[in-house]
């Protein structure tokens, strides 16, 4: 158990958002799991693209990764569950998850941001492009299911480096995996934006 003073000490350099929450008298800290290596996830995406006649040829650092990827297993096997086009970001997104499904929650990886001239370009060979062009949706329906609904209670994670805090919030919007929605912290009556990670699980957006 950590005393409030200890938590405040560790959060001194944290984002302003973390300081807006009331710290309870006691907080239980536990190890969440094993970190999922970006290299492993990148290899899965590259294989997925090669199987569809595409080659990204891009460094791992060029992709947009979620803040934290963890698994109950060490070095779990991963798979691309869905691939779809994000019209707002004008780039392809890949939904990855552990082959052993209970081992981790799905997480979203975005293709690198395209050059402005490539946003409206027709589909072309990725080996000749500087970005991943639009692919056909992959998945049971091509559209991920709704995981949150207005009025539903959920857990929102607030992360800053190695520090992680979870609070209970109320969803104000429906949302699918990877989407951002508005949520309400009932204790402080404050509204935040959060990214949908799984059913009843969100991460505070920066």
Protein backbone atom coordinates (compact mmCIF):
# COMPACT_ATOMS: atom_id res chain seq x y z
CA UNK A 1 0.00 0.00 0.00
CA UNK A 2 1.15 3.54 -0.73
CA UNK A 3 0.27 6.59 1.31
CA UNK A 4 -1.15 9.66 -0.49
CA UNK A 5 2.09 11.56 0.13
CA UNK A 6 4.06 8.86 -1.69
CA UNK A 7 1.76 8.99 -4.71
CA UNK A 8 1.94 12.78 -4.87
CA UNK A 9 5.74 12.60 -4.74
CA UNK A 10 5.87 10.25 -7.76
CA UNK A 11 3.36 12.33 -9.72
CA UNK A 12 5.18 15.63 -9.26
CA UNK A 13 6.28 15.68 -12.88
CA UNK A 14 3.14 14.01 -14.25
CA UNK A 15 0.77 15.67 -16.75
CA UNK A 16 -1.70 18.18 -15.34
CA UNK A 17 -4.54 15.73 -15.91
CA UNK A 18 -3.22 13.39 -13.25
CA UNK A 19 -3.24 16.12 -10.65
CA UNK A 20 -6.96 16.74 -11.11
CA UNK A 21 -7.96 13.54 -9.36
CA UNK A 22 -8.52 13.03 -5.67
CA UNK A 23 -6.03 10.47 -4.33
CA UNK A 24 -7.74 7.98 -1.98
CA UNK A 25 -6.26 7.09 1.39
CA UNK A 26 -4.90 3.80 0.08
CA UNK A 27 -4.04 2.58 -3.41
CA UNK A 28 -3.15 -1.00 -4.26
CA UNK A 29 -0.28 -1.30 -6.74
CA UNK A 30 0.26 -4.57 -8.59
CA UNK A 31 2.15 -5.79 -11.63
CA UNK A 32 -0.20 -5.75 -14.60
CA UNK A 33 1.68 -8.27 -16.73
CA UNK A 34 4.40 -8.64 -19.33
CA UNK A 35 5.08 -5.92 -21.88
CA UNK A 36 4.30 -6.87 -25.47
CA UNK A 37 7.29 -6.05 -27.65
CA UNK A 38 6.69 -3.65 -30.50
CA UNK A 39 9.03 -5.74 -32.63
CA UNK A 40 6.73 -8.74 -32.21
CA UNK A 41 3.64 -6.72 -33.11
CA UNK A 42 5.44 -5.16 -36.08
CA UNK A 43 6.41 -8.59 -37.41
CA UNK A 44 2.77 -9.71 -37.23
CA UNK A 45 1.61 -6.66 -39.19
CA UNK A 46 4.37 -7.08 -41.80
CA UNK A 47 3.39 -10.73 -42.29
CA UNK A 48 -0.26 -9.69 -42.59
CA UNK A 49 0.66 -7.21 -45.34
CA UNK A 50 2.94 -9.64 -47.19
CA UNK A 51 0.15 -12.21 -47.31
CA UNK A 52 -1.88 -9.58 -49.16
CA UNK A 53 0.87 -8.76 -51.62
CA UNK A 54 2.07 -5.65 -49.84
CA UNK A 55 5.34 -4.70 -48.21
CA UNK A 56 5.55 -1.77 -45.82
CA UNK A 57 9.36 -1.53 -45.55
CA UNK A 58 8.94 0.96 -42.71
CA UNK A 59 10.79 1.09 -39.37
CA UNK A 60 8.87 0.20 -36.24
CA UNK A 61 9.29 3.75 -34.95
CA UNK A 62 7.25 5.07 -37.90
CA UNK A 63 4.08 3.35 -36.69
CA UNK A 64 1.75 4.87 -34.10
CA UNK A 65 1.65 2.58 -31.07
CA UNK A 66 -0.62 2.58 -28.00
CA UNK A 67 0.96 3.79 -24.78
CA UNK A 68 1.13 0.37 -23.15
CA UNK A 69 0.75 -3.16 -24.50
CA UNK A 70 0.68 -5.86 -21.85
CA UNK A 71 -0.09 -9.56 -21.65
CA UNK A 72 -0.56 -12.12 -18.91
CA UNK A 73 1.83 -14.31 -20.92
CA UNK A 74 5.47 -13.59 -21.67
CA UNK A 75 6.14 -13.08 -25.40
CA UNK A 76 2.60 -14.08 -26.46
CA UNK A 77 1.69 -15.06 -30.01
CA UNK A 78 -0.19 -12.22 -31.71
CA UNK A 79 -2.56 -11.97 -34.65
CA UNK A 80 -4.26 -9.24 -36.66
CA UNK A 81 -7.92 -9.56 -35.75
CA UNK A 82 -9.16 -6.68 -37.92
CA UNK A 83 -7.81 -4.17 -40.40
CA UNK A 84 -9.86 -1.16 -41.40
CA UNK A 85 -9.51 2.36 -42.78
CA UNK A 86 -9.75 5.30 -40.37
CA UNK A 87 -11.39 8.04 -42.40
CA UNK A 88 -10.59 10.76 -39.86
CA UNK A 89 -6.87 9.98 -39.69
CA UNK A 90 -6.66 8.97 -43.38
CA UNK A 91 -4.65 5.90 -42.56
CA UNK A 92 -5.01 2.17 -42.04
CA UNK A 93 -5.44 0.80 -38.54
CA UNK A 94 -4.74 -2.71 -37.35
CA UNK A 95 -6.44 -4.34 -34.37
CA UNK A 96 -4.09 -6.86 -32.77
CA UNK A 97 -4.74 -9.32 -29.99
CA UNK A 98 -3.16 -12.34 -28.36
CA UNK A 99 -3.85 -15.71 -29.97
CA UNK A 100 -4.65 -16.88 -26.44
CA UNK A 101 -7.48 -14.39 -26.09
CA UNK A 102 -7.66 -14.06 -22.27
CA UNK A 103 -3.95 -13.15 -22.22
CA UNK A 104 -4.43 -9.55 -23.35
CA UNK A 105 -6.96 -6.97 -24.46
CA UNK A 106 -7.07 -5.98 -28.14
CA UNK A 107 -4.98 -2.94 -29.05
CA UNK A 108 -4.85 -0.67 -32.08
CA UNK A 109 -1.75 0.15 -34.15
CA UNK A 110 -1.97 2.89 -36.79
CA UNK A 111 -0.02 3.00 -40.01
CA UNK A 112 2.35 5.98 -40.38
CA UNK A 113 0.73 9.29 -41.26
CA UNK A 114 0.63 9.64 -45.05
CA UNK A 115 2.10 12.52 -46.99
CA UNK A 116 -0.56 15.21 -47.71
CA UNK A 117 -0.44 14.38 -51.42
CA UNK A 118 -1.16 10.72 -50.69
CA UNK A 119 -4.32 11.18 -48.63
CA UNK A 120 -6.70 11.13 -51.58
CA UNK A 121 -4.56 8.92 -53.79
CA UNK A 122 -6.15 5.78 -55.25
CA UNK A 123 -5.07 2.39 -53.96
CA UNK A 124 -1.55 1.62 -55.15
CA UNK A 125 1.30 -0.77 -54.51
CA UNK A 126 2.58 -0.16 -51.01
CA UNK A 127 6.11 -1.05 -52.09
CA UNK A 128 6.10 2.16 -54.16
CA UNK A 129 4.36 4.27 -51.52
CA UNK A 130 5.59 6.13 -48.47
CA UNK A 131 2.52 5.05 -46.52
CA UNK A 132 0.19 2.07 -46.16
CA UNK A 133 -2.68 2.65 -48.62
CA UNK A 134 -6.24 1.73 -47.89
CA UNK A 135 -6.92 -2.00 -47.62
CA UNK A 136 -10.19 -3.87 -47.70
CA UNK A 137 -11.66 -4.31 -44.24
CA UNK A 138 -10.65 -7.59 -42.62
CA UNK A 139 -12.78 -9.16 -39.91
CA UNK A 140 -16.09 -10.89 -39.49
CA UNK A 141 -18.06 -7.83 -40.55
CA UNK A 142 -15.39 -5.25 -41.36
CA UNK A 143 -16.79 -3.15 -38.51
CA UNK A 144 -15.82 -3.73 -34.91
CA UNK A 145 -18.62 -4.17 -32.37
CA UNK A 146 -19.77 -1.39 -30.06
CA UNK A 147 -17.94 -1.87 -26.74
CA UNK A 148 -19.25 1.11 -24.77
CA UNK A 149 -22.64 2.79 -24.61
CA UNK A 150 -23.90 6.03 -23.11
CA UNK A 151 -24.61 5.59 -19.40
CA UNK A 152 -22.40 2.52 -19.08
CA UNK A 153 -19.86 2.41 -16.25
CA UNK A 154 -16.29 1.59 -17.18
CA UNK A 155 -12.74 1.68 -15.87
CA UNK A 156 -10.48 4.42 -17.24
CA UNK A 157 -6.70 4.02 -16.99
CA UNK A 158 -4.50 7.09 -16.59
CA UNK A 159 -0.90 6.41 -17.54
CA UNK A 160 2.31 8.37 -17.21
CA UNK A 161 5.45 6.34 -17.71
CA UNK A 162 5.52 3.59 -15.08
CA UNK A 163 2.66 5.17 -13.11
CA UNK A 164 -0.85 3.88 -13.76
CA UNK A 165 -4.07 4.84 -11.99
CA UNK A 166 -7.54 3.43 -12.68
CA UNK A 167 -10.78 5.23 -11.88
CA UNK A 168 -14.43 4.46 -12.46
CA UNK A 169 -16.16 6.65 -15.06
CA UNK A 170 -19.49 6.86 -16.86
CA UNK A 171 -19.46 6.70 -20.66
CA UNK A 172 -21.24 9.58 -22.36
CA UNK A 173 -21.02 8.10 -25.86
CA UNK A 174 -21.01 4.76 -27.59
CA UNK A 175 -17.65 3.64 -28.90
CA UNK A 176 -15.84 0.92 -30.79
CA UNK A 177 -12.33 -0.40 -30.28
CA UNK A 178 -9.76 2.38 -30.75
CA UNK A 179 -12.31 5.19 -30.89
CA UNK A 180 -12.24 8.19 -28.57
CA UNK A 181 -15.32 8.95 -26.50
CA UNK A 182 -16.31 11.43 -23.80
CA UNK A 183 -16.56 10.10 -20.24
CA UNK A 184 -17.62 11.57 -16.91
CA UNK A 185 -15.74 11.22 -13.64
CA UNK A 186 -18.73 11.16 -11.24
CA UNK A 187 -16.59 11.92 -8.19
CA UNK A 188 -15.35 15.23 -9.60
CA UNK A 189 -18.07 15.86 -12.20
CA UNK A 190 -15.38 16.38 -14.84
CA UNK A 191 -15.56 15.28 -18.47
CA UNK A 192 -12.56 13.68 -20.21
CA UNK A 193 -11.80 12.04 -23.53
CA UNK A 194 -10.75 8.40 -23.46
CA UNK A 195 -9.78 5.73 -25.98
CA UNK A 196 -11.74 2.46 -25.99
CA UNK A 197 -9.42 -0.48 -25.26
CA UNK A 198 -11.96 -3.21 -24.55
CA UNK A 199 -15.44 -3.68 -23.14
CA UNK A 200 -15.62 -1.55 -19.97
CA UNK A 201 -11.93 -0.57 -20.29
CA UNK A 202 -10.69 2.85 -21.46
CA UNK A 203 -7.47 4.86 -21.45
CA UNK A 204 -7.42 8.60 -20.84
CA UNK A 205 -6.46 10.44 -24.02
CA UNK A 206 -3.62 12.95 -23.85
